Amino acid sequence: MRAYATRSLLVITLIFLLTAQVLASSGGPPELNMNGESTVLNGCNCHGSAAPSAASGPSADVVVSISGVPSAYQVDTAYNLTIKVEHSSNTAGGFLLSSNSEGTFSWADGVDVRPAEGNGDPESSSSTNGNISHSDTTDPAEWTIAWTAPSSDIGDVTFYLAGNSVDGHGSNDDADSWNLLSFTINSPSSTSAQADLATRVISVGDYQSLFVSEPDPEALEHERQLKLAESVFTTGNTLFFSSLCVLLVAALFQREILERQSGDGPSHLAKDLAYPEGLKRGLISGVMFIIGLNWLASDAPAYLYAPAIFCGFWAAYGVYRTVRSARAEPVVKDIL
């Protein structure tokens, strides 16, 4: 029994070690990638490690940009920076940003940002002077953070930004890719600080690739199958309820014709019972008409508003039968 448990533990451990390399890091990239190199300098191979573009380096198809960047910083001044990762087919993504521990990063509650691995407690911190990353894969891939400049002139500050674009399938397949960006904010004593106080947008990647992309045959077929399934579902339900309504209406007409031919009709109903019964059915009819017409006005599927309107007519027919029952002459059994 002990030998069996030991073998089971070894198998589970081996499976975990093998699969750990192919699972994406949705909670933020680590400081070092799987090659033991700095992620922010050399790229993130936790996504797209099997892809040719990832094996050869950054992909120009991923546009990484950061806006609100000043040409030069002022001491103890906060700057709002917006990071974006864009791709022609992927909308989700993540990032890792480093300022070489110069200045302080901060962000508002609810923003999917955290101190990067090894830079503080990611669960409780909302600011850090170390690297920061996404805390969860974001769709669309956009984050707004603040960078507060150092409290003294320490010279130029260089930033490094890694951004990855993912298809959201949870694994590092060849649809995931990444790109790198670096930039410098000059010191307060530089010429740029005195000549230009405007902020900049800095980006890397091929913007044309965002608008010119090869269609994915599998994605197109998946979309076609979804539309086909929705069409079959909608058409099937519409035909089913339409046929049911036709049969019920035909049965009611047949009933009315046979009753009039034979001189029969609904049984007598005392007026003290007929009034509340008619009122109840009238209210049900009105409610079902309102629901059905609202669905019709909001372009809801026919299989929703058509049955609702039919139920309204059915309840109205109940009011008609109640009125006929109240007007029917009582017979002996009704009197007894």
Protein backbone atom coordinates (compact mmCIF):
# COMPACT_ATOMS: atom_id res chain seq x y z
CA MET A 1 0.00 0.00 0.00
CA ARG A 2 2.85 2.36 0.87
CA ALA A 3 4.63 1.56 -2.40
CA TYR A 4 1.43 2.29 -4.35
CA ALA A 5 1.04 5.65 -2.61
CA THR A 6 4.67 6.51 -3.33
CA ARG A 7 4.32 5.69 -7.02
CA SER A 8 1.11 7.74 -7.23
CA LEU A 9 2.83 10.72 -5.64
CA LEU A 10 5.74 10.46 -8.10
CA VAL A 11 3.35 10.32 -11.08
CA ILE A 12 1.37 13.35 -9.87
CA THR A 13 4.60 15.28 -9.27
CA LEU A 14 5.88 14.42 -12.75
CA ILE A 15 2.61 15.52 -14.36
CA PHE A 16 2.72 18.81 -12.46
CA LEU A 17 6.31 19.46 -13.52
CA LEU A 18 5.49 18.75 -17.15
CA THR A 19 2.34 20.85 -17.26
CA ALA A 20 3.72 23.76 -15.25
CA GLN A 21 5.71 24.89 -18.28
CA VAL A 22 2.71 25.13 -20.56
CA LEU A 23 0.28 26.92 -18.25
CA ALA A 24 -0.02 30.66 -18.71
CA SER A 25 0.70 33.00 -15.81
CA SER A 26 -2.61 34.87 -15.71
CA GLY A 27 -1.82 36.46 -12.35
CA GLY A 28 1.14 38.48 -13.62
CA PRO A 29 4.51 37.54 -15.14
CA PRO A 30 7.43 36.64 -12.85
CA GLU A 31 10.65 38.66 -12.58
CA LEU A 32 12.54 35.93 -14.46
CA ASN A 33 11.20 34.05 -17.45
CA MET A 34 11.59 30.33 -17.99
CA ASN A 35 15.10 30.87 -19.36
CA GLY A 36 16.18 32.52 -16.12
CA GLU A 37 16.42 35.94 -17.78
CA SER A 38 14.80 39.22 -16.80
CA THR A 39 11.25 39.17 -18.18
CA VAL A 40 11.02 42.93 -18.60
CA LEU A 41 14.32 43.01 -20.57
CA ASN A 42 14.15 39.76 -22.54
CA GLY A 43 10.45 39.04 -22.87
CA CYS A 44 7.80 36.77 -21.42
CA ASN A 45 7.96 33.18 -22.66
CA CYS A 46 5.22 32.01 -20.29
CA HIS A 47 2.94 32.96 -23.21
CA GLY A 48 3.61 31.91 -26.75
CA SER A 49 6.63 29.79 -25.86
CA ALA A 50 5.65 27.28 -28.51
CA ALA A 51 5.12 29.90 -31.17
CA PRO A 52 7.80 30.68 -33.76
CA SER A 53 7.46 34.41 -33.09
CA ALA A 54 8.08 33.83 -29.38
CA ALA A 55 11.09 31.64 -30.06
CA SER A 56 12.72 34.31 -32.23
CA GLY A 57 11.87 37.27 -30.04
CA PRO A 58 9.24 40.01 -29.70
CA SER A 59 6.36 40.16 -32.18
CA ALA A 60 5.67 43.39 -34.06
CA ASP A 61 2.02 42.28 -34.29
CA VAL A 62 1.67 43.26 -30.63
CA VAL A 63 1.46 47.03 -30.17
CA VAL A 64 2.56 48.05 -26.67
CA SER A 65 2.01 51.72 -25.81
CA ILE A 66 2.11 53.98 -22.77
CA SER A 67 0.63 57.49 -22.70
CA GLY A 68 0.99 60.41 -20.32
CA VAL A 69 4.79 60.11 -20.22
CA PRO A 70 6.51 63.46 -19.50
CA SER A 71 9.65 64.46 -21.33
CA ALA A 72 11.18 65.25 -17.95
CA TYR A 73 9.94 64.71 -14.42
CA GLN A 74 9.51 67.23 -11.65
CA VAL A 75 10.48 66.24 -8.12
CA ASP A 76 7.68 64.58 -6.08
CA THR A 77 5.20 64.97 -8.95
CA ALA A 78 2.69 62.27 -9.85
CA TYR A 79 2.07 61.38 -13.50
CA ASN A 80 -0.90 59.30 -14.69
CA LEU A 81 0.24 56.69 -17.19
CA THR A 82 -2.03 54.51 -19.33
CA ILE A 83 -0.66 51.21 -20.61
CA LYS A 84 -2.25 49.46 -23.61
CA VAL A 85 -1.54 46.15 -25.30
CA GLU A 86 -3.24 45.74 -28.69
CA HIS A 87 -3.42 42.92 -31.22
CA SER A 88 -5.46 42.32 -34.36
CA SER A 89 -7.17 39.15 -33.07
CA ASN A 90 -6.57 39.12 -29.29
CA THR A 91 -8.10 41.63 -26.90
CA ALA A 92 -6.88 40.28 -23.55
CA GLY A 93 -3.36 40.68 -22.21
CA GLY A 94 -0.98 41.60 -19.42
CA PHE A 95 2.13 43.63 -18.71
CA LEU A 96 5.24 44.05 -16.55
CA LEU A 97 6.64 47.55 -15.94
CA SER A 98 9.94 48.51 -14.30
CA SER A 99 11.46 51.88 -13.40
CA ASN A 100 14.60 50.36 -11.88
CA SER A 101 13.07 51.05 -8.44
CA GLU A 102 13.14 54.82 -9.04
CA GLY A 103 10.00 56.65 -7.93
CA THR A 104 6.78 55.00 -6.76
CA PHE A 105 4.00 53.27 -8.68
CA SER A 106 0.43 53.45 -7.34
CA TRP A 107 -3.03 52.56 -8.60
CA ALA A 108 -6.67 52.84 -7.61
CA ASP A 109 -8.69 50.07 -5.99
CA GLY A 110 -10.31 47.79 -8.51
CA VAL A 111 -7.57 48.16 -11.11
CA ASP A 112 -6.05 44.78 -12.05
CA VAL A 113 -2.53 45.80 -11.04
CA ARG A 114 -0.23 44.49 -8.30
CA PRO A 115 3.42 44.61 -7.23
CA ALA A 116 5.29 42.17 -9.42
CA GLU A 117 6.46 38.90 -7.96
CA GLY A 118 9.10 39.60 -5.31
CA ASN A 119 8.14 43.29 -4.94
CA GLY A 120 5.94 43.27 -1.84
CA ASP A 121 2.65 41.72 -0.86
CA PRO A 122 0.51 41.60 -4.03
CA GLU A 123 -2.69 41.07 -2.05
CA SER A 124 -2.58 44.17 0.15
CA SER A 125 -0.37 46.70 -1.63
CA SER A 126 -1.66 49.47 -3.85
CA SER A 127 1.75 51.10 -4.33
CA THR A 128 5.36 50.03 -4.65
CA ASN A 129 8.73 51.40 -5.67
CA GLY A 130 9.52 48.12 -7.42
CA ASN A 131 8.16 46.53 -10.58
CA ILE A 132 4.43 46.19 -11.17
CA SER A 133 2.36 43.81 -13.28
CA HIS A 134 -1.24 42.89 -14.02
CA SER A 135 -3.01 40.92 -11.29
CA ASP A 136 -5.39 39.20 -13.69
CA THR A 137 -5.64 38.93 -17.45
CA THR A 138 -7.55 42.04 -18.56
CA ASP A 139 -9.89 42.40 -21.52
CA PRO A 140 -9.42 44.91 -23.05
CA ALA A 141 -5.74 45.07 -22.14
CA GLU A 142 -5.57 48.58 -20.68
CA TRP A 143 -4.47 49.85 -17.26
CA THR A 144 -4.09 53.30 -15.71
CA ILE A 145 -1.47 53.75 -13.00
CA ALA A 146 0.38 56.67 -11.43
CA TRP A 147 4.13 57.13 -11.18
CA THR A 148 5.39 59.59 -8.56
CA ALA A 149 8.82 60.97 -9.35
CA PRO A 150 11.67 60.72 -6.81
CA SER A 151 11.93 63.34 -4.08
CA SER A 152 15.22 64.62 -5.50
CA ASP A 153 16.96 64.97 -8.84
CA ILE A 154 18.56 61.56 -9.39
CA GLY A 155 19.17 62.00 -13.10
CA ASP A 156 17.36 60.36 -15.98
CA VAL A 157 15.01 57.46 -15.19
CA THR A 158 14.75 54.56 -17.64
CA PHE A 159 11.60 52.43 -17.84
CA TYR A 160 11.15 48.96 -19.28
CA LEU A 161 7.73 47.63 -20.32
CA ALA A 162 6.82 44.12 -21.46
CA GLY A 163 3.33 43.48 -22.81
CA ASN A 164 1.74 40.22 -23.88
CA SER A 165 -1.40 39.60 -25.90
CA VAL A 166 -3.32 36.36 -25.27
CA ASP A 167 -6.30 34.56 -26.75
CA GLY A 168 -7.75 33.78 -23.31
CA HIS A 169 -7.63 29.99 -23.66
CA GLY A 170 -5.47 29.62 -20.55
CA SER A 171 -2.46 28.02 -22.22
CA ASN A 172 0.63 29.36 -24.00
CA ASP A 173 -0.41 28.44 -27.53
CA ASP A 174 0.86 29.98 -30.75
CA ALA A 175 -1.90 32.62 -30.70
CA ASP A 176 -0.17 34.35 -27.74
CA SER A 177 2.66 36.82 -28.40
CA TRP A 178 4.51 39.67 -26.73
CA ASN A 179 6.58 42.79 -27.31
CA LEU A 180 9.00 45.02 -25.40
CA LEU A 181 9.27 48.78 -24.95
CA SER A 182 11.80 50.98 -23.17
CA PHE A 183 11.92 54.76 -22.72
CA THR A 184 13.58 57.42 -20.60
CA ILE A 185 12.19 60.33 -18.60
CA ASN A 186 14.78 63.06 -18.33
CA SER A 187 15.85 64.66 -15.08
CA PRO A 188 14.50 68.06 -13.92
CA SER A 189 17.85 69.69 -14.73
CA SER A 190 17.86 68.56 -18.35
CA THR A 191 17.18 70.81 -21.32
CA SER A 192 13.95 68.94 -22.04
CA ALA A 193 12.59 69.86 -18.62
CA GLN A 194 12.82 73.53 -19.46
CA ALA A 195 11.89 73.34 -23.15
CA ASP A 196 8.94 70.91 -23.21
CA LEU A 197 6.55 70.11 -20.36
CA ALA A 198 4.03 68.21 -22.52
CA THR A 199 3.42 64.50 -22.08
CA ARG A 200 4.03 61.88 -24.76
CA VAL A 201 2.66 58.63 -26.11
CA ILE A 202 5.39 56.04 -26.61
CA SER A 203 4.70 52.81 -28.47
CA VAL A 204 6.30 49.88 -30.22
CA GLY A 205 4.85 47.51 -32.78
CA ASP A 206 3.30 47.59 -36.22
CA TYR A 207 0.06 49.56 -36.04
CA GLN A 208 -0.90 48.42 -39.54
CA SER A 209 -1.05 44.84 -38.26
CA LEU A 210 -3.97 45.86 -36.02
CA PHE A 211 -6.12 46.46 -39.10
CA VAL A 212 -4.68 43.94 -41.56
CA SER A 213 -4.96 40.42 -40.18
CA GLU A 214 -5.31 36.95 -41.64
CA PRO A 215 -8.68 35.40 -40.77
CA ASP A 216 -8.42 32.29 -38.62
CA PRO A 217 -10.26 29.43 -40.42
CA GLU A 218 -11.06 27.70 -37.14
CA ALA A 219 -12.47 30.91 -35.63
CA LEU A 220 -14.56 31.54 -38.75
CA GLU A 221 -15.93 27.99 -38.69
CA HIS A 222 -16.66 28.26 -34.96
CA GLU A 223 -18.57 31.49 -35.55
CA ARG A 224 -20.48 29.90 -38.45
CA GLN A 225 -21.44 26.91 -36.29
CA LEU A 226 -22.68 29.22 -33.53
CA LYS A 227 -24.85 31.16 -35.96
CA LEU A 228 -26.16 27.90 -37.44
CA ALA A 229 -27.02 26.51 -34.00
CA GLU A 230 -28.80 29.73 -33.04
CA SER A 231 -30.74 29.68 -36.30
CA VAL A 232 -31.83 26.06 -35.80
CA PHE A 233 -32.85 26.77 -32.21
CA THR A 234 -34.82 29.89 -33.12
CA THR A 235 -36.50 28.38 -36.17
CA GLY A 236 -37.36 25.15 -34.36
CA ASN A 237 -38.96 26.94 -31.42
CA THR A 238 -40.85 29.29 -33.70
CA LEU A 239 -42.29 26.44 -35.78
CA PHE A 240 -43.15 24.42 -32.68
CA PHE A 241 -45.08 27.20 -30.95
CA SER A 242 -46.71 28.30 -34.20
CA SER A 243 -47.98 24.77 -34.85
CA LEU A 244 -49.19 24.45 -31.26
CA CYS A 245 -51.07 27.75 -31.46
CA VAL A 246 -52.71 26.76 -34.74
CA LEU A 247 -53.89 23.44 -33.29
CA LEU A 248 -55.27 25.08 -30.15
CA VAL A 249 -57.09 27.80 -32.08
CA ALA A 250 -58.57 25.20 -34.44
CA ALA A 251 -59.76 23.13 -31.47
CA LEU A 252 -61.44 26.17 -29.92
CA PHE A 253 -63.23 27.03 -33.16
CA GLN A 254 -64.39 23.44 -33.48
CA ARG A 255 -65.66 23.50 -29.92
CA GLU A 256 -67.61 26.71 -30.44
CA ILE A 257 -69.15 25.43 -33.70
CA LEU A 258 -70.20 22.10 -32.16
CA GLU A 259 -71.69 23.82 -29.10
CA ARG A 260 -73.78 26.15 -31.22
CA GLN A 261 -74.94 23.33 -33.51
CA SER A 262 -76.03 21.20 -30.56
CA GLY A 263 -77.44 24.10 -28.58
CA ASP A 264 -75.04 23.47 -25.72
CA GLY A 265 -72.82 25.96 -24.01
CA PRO A 266 -70.80 26.52 -20.89
CA SER A 267 -72.37 25.52 -17.61
CA HIS A 268 -74.12 28.14 -15.52
CA LEU A 269 -71.87 30.07 -13.12
CA ALA A 270 -73.29 32.23 -10.34
CA LYS A 271 -72.48 35.89 -10.78
CA ASP A 272 -70.86 36.17 -7.34
CA LEU A 273 -68.31 33.62 -8.61
CA ALA A 274 -68.22 34.80 -12.22
CA TYR A 275 -67.16 38.37 -11.44
CA PRO A 276 -63.92 37.51 -9.53
CA GLU A 277 -63.12 34.75 -12.02
CA GLY A 278 -63.55 37.09 -14.98
CA LEU A 279 -61.51 39.80 -13.26
CA LYS A 280 -58.68 37.37 -12.56
CA ARG A 281 -58.56 36.14 -16.14
CA GLY A 282 -58.77 39.71 -17.42
CA LEU A 283 -55.75 40.73 -15.32
CA ILE A 284 -53.78 37.73 -16.55
CA SER A 285 -54.68 38.62 -20.13
CA GLY A 286 -53.54 42.23 -19.68
CA VAL A 287 -50.23 41.23 -18.05
CA MET A 288 -49.41 38.70 -20.76
CA PHE A 289 -50.24 41.23 -23.49
CA ILE A 290 -47.94 43.82 -21.87
CA ILE A 291 -45.08 41.33 -21.53
CA GLY A 292 -45.46 40.07 -25.08
CA LEU A 293 -45.67 43.55 -26.62
CA ASN A 294 -42.63 44.71 -24.64
CA TRP A 295 -40.65 41.75 -25.93
CA LEU A 296 -41.88 42.47 -29.44
CA ALA A 297 -40.82 46.12 -29.17
CA SER A 298 -37.36 45.13 -27.89
CA ASP A 299 -36.76 42.80 -30.86
CA ALA A 300 -36.83 39.68 -28.69
CA PRO A 301 -37.01 36.31 -30.48
CA ALA A 302 -40.43 35.26 -31.78
CA TYR A 303 -40.49 32.21 -29.53
CA LEU A 304 -40.63 34.59 -26.54
CA TYR A 305 -43.17 37.24 -27.48
CA ALA A 306 -45.47 35.01 -29.57
CA PRO A 307 -46.35 32.59 -26.71
CA ALA A 308 -46.81 35.53 -24.33
CA ILE A 309 -49.26 37.23 -26.68
CA PHE A 310 -51.02 33.90 -27.30
CA CYS A 311 -51.42 33.40 -23.53
CA GLY A 312 -52.98 36.86 -23.42
CA PHE A 313 -55.52 35.83 -26.04
CA TRP A 314 -56.10 32.54 -24.20
CA ALA A 315 -56.87 34.39 -20.96
CA ALA A 316 -59.15 36.79 -22.90
CA TYR A 317 -60.99 33.77 -24.29
CA GLY A 318 -61.38 32.64 -20.67
CA VAL A 319 -63.07 35.96 -19.90
CA TYR A 320 -65.43 35.36 -22.82
CA ARG A 321 -66.29 31.88 -21.53
CA THR A 322 -66.85 33.26 -18.02
CA VAL A 323 -69.28 35.86 -19.37
CA ARG A 324 -71.16 33.14 -21.27
CA SER A 325 -71.28 30.99 -18.12
CA ALA A 326 -72.71 33.89 -16.11
CA ARG A 327 -75.39 34.48 -18.76
CA ALA A 328 -76.31 30.80 -19.14
CA GLU A 329 -79.68 29.79 -17.76
CA PRO A 330 -79.39 27.61 -14.65
CA VAL A 331 -80.63 24.05 -14.90
CA VAL A 332 -81.90 21.80 -12.16
CA LYS A 333 -78.48 20.63 -11.08
CA ASP A 334 -77.27 24.22 -10.82
CA ILE A 335 -80.22 25.16 -8.59
CA LEU A 336 -79.82 22.10 -6.38
